Amino acid sequence: MRAVEELLRSGLPIRGVIVTPELATTPRGTAIRNRLDESKTDVLEVNDKDFETAAETDSPQGVLAIGEIPSRSFNTLKTPTVCRILVLDAVQDPGNVGTIIRTAAALGATATIALPGTVDLWNPKVVRSSMGAQFRHPAFHATWGDVRAFIEREGFDLWAADAEGEPLDSGRAVGRLAIVVGNEGSGLNPEIRASAHKIVSLPLTANVDSLNVAVAAGIILYELRQ
């Protein structure tokens, strides 16, 4: 329900919606159905058995919407004077990526960019984990060449997060900054590491050598927001 609610709020085109009769048995479900009717969206009501053949979750909530993926790229991205862009380098777990997108949106990041090797940003598990944040938060796939050309053209510094980097000092952050977080298992791409203006880390206690990538990304974005 939450993802469909966010899709309706986003204004993205909706091609159609499948619902079950049970959707209208709760106040929240009734509100969604009324909103769908008001928006003149095509709605197909089916029985539970048919609905389960389309839903990917073990306990579907009676509504499934098909929306159009927005066309986003560096050409459509607006970059203010103070700008934080998060870059995902081969982050493969959809739960982590969804959490990262939701956190980036909540903490005011301008965009989230997924490099090759990162899970599809529109994977259903990513969408559910993000609570639909990418419906409004600019998140899209790009190559490393695209990212490098963009940050050079727009005057961004590039920081990369790694456990062996220097402690993060948000006071030294420039106005325009791209931050790369990498795969927890294999770490940063060597080419990205070599291109970074700074390698940064979060100070950890002696008996812990790493953080979950979504947690680390959230802490870094929060610190840089200050």
C-alpha atoms as a PDB file:
ATOM      1  CA  MET A   1       0.000   0.000   0.000  1.00  0.00           C
ATOM      2  CA  ARG A   2       2.749   2.442   0.912  1.00  0.00           C
ATOM      3  CA  ALA A   3       4.433   2.138  -2.476  1.00  0.00           C
ATOM      4  CA  VAL A   4       1.152   2.729  -4.314  1.00  0.00           C
ATOM      5  CA  GLU A   5       0.360   5.709  -2.087  1.00  0.00           C
ATOM      6  CA  GLU A   6       3.749   7.223  -2.917  1.00  0.00           C
ATOM      7  CA  LEU A   7       3.285   6.513  -6.622  1.00  0.00           C
ATOM      8  CA  LEU A   8      -0.037   8.367  -6.573  1.00  0.00           C
ATOM      9  CA  ARG A   9       1.557  11.329  -4.772  1.00  0.00           C
ATOM     10  CA  SER A  10       4.497  11.469  -7.170  1.00  0.00           C
ATOM     11  CA  GLY A  11       2.526  12.349 -10.272  1.00  0.00           C
ATOM     12  CA  LEU A  12       4.304   9.699 -12.368  1.00  0.00           C
ATOM     13  CA  PRO A  13       2.103   8.171 -15.088  1.00  0.00           C
ATOM     14  CA  ILE A  14       0.269   5.026 -13.974  1.00  0.00           C
ATOM     15  CA  ARG A  15      -0.612   2.555 -16.714  1.00  0.00           C
ATOM     16  CA  GLY A  16      -3.003   0.492 -14.645  1.00  0.00           C
ATOM     17  CA  VAL A  17      -3.787  -1.032 -11.260  1.00  0.00           C
ATOM     18  CA  ILE A  18      -4.925  -4.486 -10.126  1.00  0.00           C
ATOM     19  CA  VAL A  19      -6.908  -4.729  -6.888  1.00  0.00           C
ATOM     20  CA  THR A  20      -8.845  -7.298  -4.892  1.00  0.00           C
ATOM     21  CA  PRO A  21     -12.241  -6.642  -3.240  1.00  0.00           C
ATOM     22  CA  GLU A  22     -10.517  -6.811   0.166  1.00  0.00           C
ATOM     23  CA  LEU A  23      -8.664  -3.561  -0.538  1.00  0.00           C
ATOM     24  CA  ALA A  24     -11.775  -1.552   0.266  1.00  0.00           C
ATOM     25  CA  THR A  25     -12.356  -3.296   3.619  1.00  0.00           C
ATOM     26  CA  THR A  26      -9.933  -1.012   5.520  1.00  0.00           C
ATOM     27  CA  PRO A  27      -9.905   2.795   5.769  1.00  0.00           C
ATOM     28  CA  ARG A  28      -6.436   2.971   4.207  1.00  0.00           C
ATOM     29  CA  GLY A  29      -7.425   0.676   1.360  1.00  0.00           C
ATOM     30  CA  THR A  30     -10.633   2.618   0.775  1.00  0.00           C
ATOM     31  CA  ALA A  31      -8.652   5.861   0.572  1.00  0.00           C
ATOM     32  CA  ILE A  32      -6.356   4.329  -2.049  1.00  0.00           C
ATOM     33  CA  ARG A  33      -9.302   3.044  -4.091  1.00  0.00           C
ATOM     34  CA  ASN A  34     -11.011   6.449  -3.934  1.00  0.00           C
ATOM     35  CA  ARG A  35      -7.817   8.170  -5.031  1.00  0.00           C
ATOM     36  CA  LEU A  36      -7.494   5.762  -7.959  1.00  0.00           C
ATOM     37  CA  ASP A  37     -11.081   6.422  -9.006  1.00  0.00           C
ATOM     38  CA  GLU A  38     -10.567  10.189  -8.763  1.00  0.00           C
ATOM     39  CA  SER A  39      -7.443   9.992 -10.930  1.00  0.00           C
ATOM     40  CA  LYS A  40      -9.371   8.012 -13.570  1.00  0.00           C
ATOM     41  CA  THR A  41      -6.697   5.312 -13.506  1.00  0.00           C
ATOM     42  CA  ASP A  42      -7.618   2.016 -15.162  1.00  0.00           C
ATOM     43  CA  VAL A  43      -8.398  -0.409 -12.313  1.00  0.00           C
ATOM     44  CA  LEU A  44      -8.988  -4.140 -12.738  1.00  0.00           C
ATOM     45  CA  GLU A  45     -10.588  -5.974  -9.826  1.00  0.00           C
ATOM     46  CA  VAL A  46      -9.647  -9.654  -9.580  1.00  0.00           C
ATOM     47  CA  ASN A  47     -10.028 -12.435  -7.037  1.00  0.00           C
ATOM     48  CA  ASP A  48      -7.301 -13.300  -4.540  1.00  0.00           C
ATOM     49  CA  LYS A  49      -6.052 -16.302  -6.497  1.00  0.00           C
ATOM     50  CA  ASP A  50      -5.547 -14.339  -9.688  1.00  0.00           C
ATOM     51  CA  PHE A  51      -3.992 -11.461  -7.786  1.00  0.00           C
ATOM     52  CA  GLU A  52      -1.392 -13.721  -6.199  1.00  0.00           C
ATOM     53  CA  THR A  53      -0.172 -14.796  -9.649  1.00  0.00           C
ATOM     54  CA  ALA A  54       0.866 -11.175 -10.298  1.00  0.00           C
ATOM     55  CA  ALA A  55       2.121 -10.171  -6.844  1.00  0.00           C
ATOM     56  CA  GLU A  56       5.687 -10.985  -5.818  1.00  0.00           C
ATOM     57  CA  THR A  57       5.254 -10.777  -2.053  1.00  0.00           C
ATOM     58  CA  ASP A  58       4.239 -13.596   0.273  1.00  0.00           C
ATOM     59  CA  SER A  59       1.496 -11.480   1.851  1.00  0.00           C
ATOM     60  CA  PRO A  60       0.200  -9.054  -0.800  1.00  0.00           C
ATOM     61  CA  GLN A  61      -1.970  -6.173   0.383  1.00  0.00           C
ATOM     62  CA  GLY A  62      -4.544  -6.227  -2.391  1.00  0.00           C
ATOM     63  CA  VAL A  63      -3.197  -3.527  -4.704  1.00  0.00           C
ATOM     64  CA  LEU A  64      -0.565  -3.631  -7.439  1.00  0.00           C
ATOM     65  CA  ALA A  65       0.191  -0.651  -9.657  1.00  0.00           C
ATOM     66  CA  ILE A  66       2.134  -0.453 -12.896  1.00  0.00           C
ATOM     67  CA  GLY A  67       3.831   2.901 -13.324  1.00  0.00           C
ATOM     68  CA  GLU A  68       6.092   4.307 -16.010  1.00  0.00           C
ATOM     69  CA  ILE A  69       9.785   4.526 -15.128  1.00  0.00           C
ATOM     70  CA  PRO A  70      10.793   8.197 -15.433  1.00  0.00           C
ATOM     71  CA  SER A  71      13.470   9.177 -17.922  1.00  0.00           C
ATOM     72  CA  ARG A  72      16.350  10.537 -15.840  1.00  0.00           C
ATOM     73  CA  SER A  73      19.984  11.286 -16.620  1.00  0.00           C
ATOM     74  CA  PHE A  74      22.673  13.833 -15.880  1.00  0.00           C
ATOM     75  CA  ASN A  75      21.126  15.966 -18.625  1.00  0.00           C
ATOM     76  CA  THR A  76      17.923  16.345 -16.586  1.00  0.00           C
ATOM     77  CA  LEU A  77      19.611  16.760 -13.195  1.00  0.00           C
ATOM     78  CA  LYS A  78      19.539  20.177 -11.548  1.00  0.00           C
ATOM     79  CA  THR A  79      22.528  20.866  -9.297  1.00  0.00           C
ATOM     80  CA  PRO A  80      22.271  23.714  -6.755  1.00  0.00           C
ATOM     81  CA  THR A  81      25.281  25.483  -5.277  1.00  0.00           C
ATOM     82  CA  VAL A  82      25.287  23.095  -2.303  1.00  0.00           C
ATOM     83  CA  CYS A  83      24.805  19.637  -3.707  1.00  0.00           C
ATOM     84  CA  ARG A  84      25.374  16.080  -2.482  1.00  0.00           C
ATOM     85  CA  ILE A  85      25.246  13.215  -4.980  1.00  0.00           C
ATOM     86  CA  LEU A  86      25.507   9.630  -3.771  1.00  0.00           C
ATOM     87  CA  VAL A  87      27.120   7.103  -6.129  1.00  0.00           C
ATOM     88  CA  LEU A  88      26.616   3.348  -5.646  1.00  0.00           C
ATOM     89  CA  ASP A  89      29.486   1.195  -6.887  1.00  0.00           C
ATOM     90  CA  ALA A  90      28.265  -2.389  -7.458  1.00  0.00           C
ATOM     91  CA  VAL A  91      25.941  -2.443  -4.435  1.00  0.00           C
ATOM     92  CA  GLN A  92      23.977  -5.603  -5.162  1.00  0.00           C
ATOM     93  CA  ASP A  93      21.587  -6.224  -2.289  1.00  0.00           C
ATOM     94  CA  PRO A  94      18.138  -4.776  -3.149  1.00  0.00           C
ATOM     95  CA  GLY A  95      17.253  -4.195   0.496  1.00  0.00           C
ATOM     96  CA  ASN A  96      20.384  -2.142   1.031  1.00  0.00           C
ATOM     97  CA  VAL A  97      19.872  -0.150  -2.163  1.00  0.00           C
ATOM     98  CA  GLY A  98      16.252   0.611  -1.315  1.00  0.00           C
ATOM     99  CA  THR A  99      17.245   1.755   2.166  1.00  0.00           C
ATOM    100  CA  ILE A 100      20.011   3.921   0.710  1.00  0.00           C
ATOM    101  CA  ILE A 101      17.626   5.625  -1.732  1.00  0.00           C
ATOM    102  CA  ARG A 102      15.095   6.308   1.002  1.00  0.00           C
ATOM    103  CA  THR A 103      17.828   7.684   3.280  1.00  0.00           C
ATOM    104  CA  ALA A 104      19.345   9.820   0.520  1.00  0.00           C
ATOM    105  CA  ALA A 105      15.935  11.335  -0.181  1.00  0.00           C
ATOM    106  CA  ALA A 106      15.288  11.965   3.516  1.00  0.00           C
ATOM    107  CA  LEU A 107      18.666  13.624   4.090  1.00  0.00           C
ATOM    108  CA  GLY A 108      18.452  15.944   1.112  1.00  0.00           C
ATOM    109  CA  ALA A 109      20.824  14.314  -1.370  1.00  0.00           C
ATOM    110  CA  THR A 110      20.326  15.767  -4.830  1.00  0.00           C
ATOM    111  CA  ALA A 111      20.489  12.382  -6.582  1.00  0.00           C
ATOM    112  CA  THR A 112      21.518   8.743  -6.254  1.00  0.00           C
ATOM    113  CA  ILE A 113      23.491   7.257  -9.130  1.00  0.00           C
ATOM    114  CA  ALA A 114      23.898   3.507  -9.663  1.00  0.00           C
ATOM    115  CA  LEU A 115      27.042   2.319 -11.427  1.00  0.00           C
ATOM    116  CA  PRO A 116      27.237  -0.977 -13.365  1.00  0.00           C
ATOM    117  CA  GLY A 117      27.037  -3.968 -11.034  1.00  0.00           C
ATOM    118  CA  THR A 118      24.451  -2.283  -8.810  1.00  0.00           C
ATOM    119  CA  VAL A 119      21.024  -3.913  -8.628  1.00  0.00           C
ATOM    120  CA  ASP A 120      18.290  -2.442 -10.850  1.00  0.00           C
ATOM    121  CA  LEU A 121      16.923   0.609  -9.044  1.00  0.00           C
ATOM    122  CA  TRP A 122      13.413  -0.402 -10.170  1.00  0.00           C
ATOM    123  CA  ASN A 123      13.663  -3.962  -8.911  1.00  0.00           C
ATOM    124  CA  PRO A 124      10.410  -4.571  -6.940  1.00  0.00           C
ATOM    125  CA  LYS A 125      12.378  -5.348  -3.770  1.00  0.00           C
ATOM    126  CA  VAL A 126      14.274  -2.062  -4.130  1.00  0.00           C
ATOM    127  CA  VAL A 127      11.023  -0.151  -4.594  1.00  0.00           C
ATOM    128  CA  ARG A 128       9.472  -1.750  -1.515  1.00  0.00           C
ATOM    129  CA  SER A 129      12.591  -1.184   0.609  1.00  0.00           C
ATOM    130  CA  SER A 130      12.753   2.445  -0.439  1.00  0.00           C
ATOM    131  CA  MET A 131       9.031   2.938   0.288  1.00  0.00           C
ATOM    132  CA  GLY A 132       8.778   4.376  -3.213  1.00  0.00           C
ATOM    133  CA  ALA A 133      11.296   7.157  -2.568  1.00  0.00           C
ATOM    134  CA  GLN A 134      12.688   6.945  -6.127  1.00  0.00           C
ATOM    135  CA  PHE A 135       9.300   8.000  -7.504  1.00  0.00           C
ATOM    136  CA  ARG A 136      10.351  11.539  -6.575  1.00  0.00           C
ATOM    137  CA  HIS A 137      14.042  11.349  -5.618  1.00  0.00           C
ATOM    138  CA  PRO A 138      16.248  11.456  -8.753  1.00  0.00           C
ATOM    139  CA  ALA A 139      17.816   7.989  -8.940  1.00  0.00           C
ATOM    140  CA  PHE A 140      19.176   6.498 -12.154  1.00  0.00           C
ATOM    141  CA  HIS A 141      21.848   4.277 -13.676  1.00  0.00           C
ATOM    142  CA  ALA A 142      25.006   5.628 -15.316  1.00  0.00           C
ATOM    143  CA  THR A 143      28.476   4.483 -16.306  1.00  0.00           C
ATOM    144  CA  TRP A 144      31.599   5.549 -14.462  1.00  0.00           C
ATOM    145  CA  GLY A 145      32.576   7.526 -17.566  1.00  0.00           C
ATOM    146  CA  ASP A 146      29.286   9.434 -17.363  1.00  0.00           C
ATOM    147  CA  VAL A 147      29.844  10.207 -13.664  1.00  0.00           C
ATOM    148  CA  ARG A 148      33.432  11.322 -14.176  1.00  0.00           C
ATOM    149  CA  ALA A 149      32.514  13.593 -17.087  1.00  0.00           C
ATOM    150  CA  PHE A 150      29.668  15.111 -15.078  1.00  0.00           C
ATOM    151  CA  ILE A 151      31.666  15.889 -11.931  1.00  0.00           C
ATOM    152  CA  GLU A 152      34.493  17.389 -13.976  1.00  0.00           C
ATOM    153  CA  ARG A 153      32.090  19.513 -16.012  1.00  0.00           C
ATOM    154  CA  GLU A 154      30.072  20.702 -12.999  1.00  0.00           C
ATOM    155  CA  GLY A 155      33.006  21.228 -10.628  1.00  0.00           C
ATOM    156  CA  PHE A 156      32.315  18.475  -8.075  1.00  0.00           C
ATOM    157  CA  ASP A 157      34.803  16.997  -5.640  1.00  0.00           C
ATOM    158  CA  LEU A 158      34.772  13.199  -5.446  1.00  0.00           C
ATOM    159  CA  TRP A 159      35.013  11.434  -2.097  1.00  0.00           C
ATOM    160  CA  ALA A 160      34.994   7.660  -1.750  1.00  0.00           C
ATOM    161  CA  ALA A 161      34.154   5.751   1.416  1.00  0.00           C
ATOM    162  CA  ASP A 162      36.498   2.991   2.516  1.00  0.00           C
ATOM    163  CA  ALA A 163      37.448   1.526   5.888  1.00  0.00           C
ATOM    164  CA  GLU A 164      41.095   2.435   5.268  1.00  0.00           C
ATOM    165  CA  GLY A 165      40.396   6.093   4.497  1.00  0.00           C
ATOM    166  CA  GLU A 166      40.986   9.133   6.693  1.00  0.00           C
ATOM    167  CA  PRO A 167      38.280   9.990   9.261  1.00  0.00           C
ATOM    168  CA  LEU A 168      35.370  11.847   7.736  1.00  0.00           C
ATOM    169  CA  ASP A 169      35.579  15.595   8.371  1.00  0.00           C
ATOM    170  CA  SER A 170      32.363  17.231   7.219  1.00  0.00           C
ATOM    171  CA  GLY A 171      33.853  20.661   7.852  1.00  0.00           C
ATOM    172  CA  ARG A 172      36.178  20.184   4.884  1.00  0.00           C
ATOM    173  CA  ALA A 173      33.404  19.323   2.421  1.00  0.00           C
ATOM    174  CA  VAL A 174      32.984  21.617  -0.564  1.00  0.00           C
ATOM    175  CA  GLY A 175      29.609  22.812  -1.817  1.00  0.00           C
ATOM    176  CA  ARG A 176      29.410  20.346  -4.667  1.00  0.00           C
ATOM    177  CA  LEU A 177      30.346  16.838  -3.646  1.00  0.00           C
ATOM    178  CA  ALA A 178      29.858  13.323  -5.006  1.00  0.00           C
ATOM    179  CA  ILE A 179      30.289  10.483  -2.506  1.00  0.00           C
ATOM    180  CA  VAL A 180      30.902   6.889  -3.606  1.00  0.00           C
ATOM    181  CA  VAL A 181      30.024   3.879  -1.472  1.00  0.00           C
ATOM    182  CA  GLY A 182      31.001   0.425  -2.666  1.00  0.00           C
ATOM    183  CA  ASN A 183      30.269  -3.249  -2.454  1.00  0.00           C
ATOM    184  CA  GLU A 184      30.830  -4.535   1.098  1.00  0.00           C
ATOM    185  CA  GLY A 185      32.635  -7.635  -0.108  1.00  0.00           C
ATOM    186  CA  SER A 186      34.899  -6.398  -2.898  1.00  0.00           C
ATOM    187  CA  GLY A 187      35.262  -2.741  -1.936  1.00  0.00           C
ATOM    188  CA  LEU A 188      35.776   0.177  -4.283  1.00  0.00           C
ATOM    189  CA  ASN A 189      36.525  -0.140  -7.964  1.00  0.00           C
ATOM    190  CA  PRO A 190      40.288   0.608  -8.343  1.00  0.00           C
ATOM    191  CA  GLU A 191      39.610   3.206 -11.047  1.00  0.00           C
ATOM    192  CA  ILE A 192      37.200   5.063  -8.771  1.00  0.00           C
ATOM    193  CA  ARG A 193      39.627   4.883  -5.878  1.00  0.00           C
ATOM    194  CA  ALA A 194      42.377   6.367  -8.050  1.00  0.00           C
ATOM    195  CA  SER A 195      40.082   9.171  -9.221  1.00  0.00           C
ATOM    196  CA  ALA A 196      38.839  10.195  -5.766  1.00  0.00           C
ATOM    197  CA  HIS A 197      40.015  13.490  -4.332  1.00  0.00           C
ATOM    198  CA  LYS A 198      39.730  11.944  -0.874  1.00  0.00           C
ATOM    199  CA  ILE A 199      39.161   8.511   0.672  1.00  0.00           C
ATOM    200  CA  VAL A 200      37.102   8.842   3.860  1.00  0.00           C
ATOM    201  CA  SER A 201      36.038   6.480   6.620  1.00  0.00           C
ATOM    202  CA  LEU A 202      33.907   6.398   9.754  1.00  0.00           C
ATOM    203  CA  PRO A 203      35.832   5.771  12.997  1.00  0.00           C
ATOM    204  CA  LEU A 204      34.830   2.378  14.414  1.00  0.00           C
ATOM    205  CA  THR A 205      35.646   0.536  17.608  1.00  0.00           C
ATOM    206  CA  ALA A 206      38.608  -1.826  17.497  1.00  0.00           C
ATOM    207  CA  ASN A 207      36.614  -5.051  17.335  1.00  0.00           C
ATOM    208  CA  VAL A 208      34.466  -4.000  14.324  1.00  0.00           C
ATOM    209  CA  ASP A 209      36.056  -3.682  10.898  1.00  0.00           C
ATOM    210  CA  SER A 210      33.125  -2.542   8.729  1.00  0.00           C
ATOM    211  CA  LEU A 211      29.551  -1.252   8.601  1.00  0.00           C
ATOM    212  CA  ASN A 212      26.573  -2.243   6.493  1.00  0.00           C
ATOM    213  CA  VAL A 213      26.757  -0.089   3.349  1.00  0.00           C
ATOM    214  CA  ALA A 214      23.291   1.410   3.868  1.00  0.00           C
ATOM    215  CA  VAL A 215      24.113   2.368   7.459  1.00  0.00           C
ATOM    216  CA  ALA A 216      27.450   3.860   6.427  1.00  0.00           C
ATOM    217  CA  ALA A 217      25.872   5.839   3.582  1.00  0.00           C
ATOM    218  CA  GLY A 218      23.255   7.239   5.952  1.00  0.00           C
ATOM    219  CA  ILE A 219      25.808   8.362   8.532  1.00  0.00           C
ATOM    220  CA  ILE A 220      27.988   9.988   5.881  1.00  0.00           C
ATOM    221  CA  LEU A 221      25.069  11.856   4.312  1.00  0.00           C
ATOM    222  CA  TYR A 222      23.891  13.006   7.735  1.00  0.00           C
ATOM    223  CA  GLU A 223      27.343  14.299   8.659  1.00  0.00           C
ATOM    224  CA  LEU A 224      27.706  16.110   5.350  1.00  0.00           C
ATOM    225  CA  ARG A 225      24.261  17.611   5.764  1.00  0.00           C
ATOM    226  CA  GLN A 226      25.449  19.388   8.916  1.00  0.00           C
END
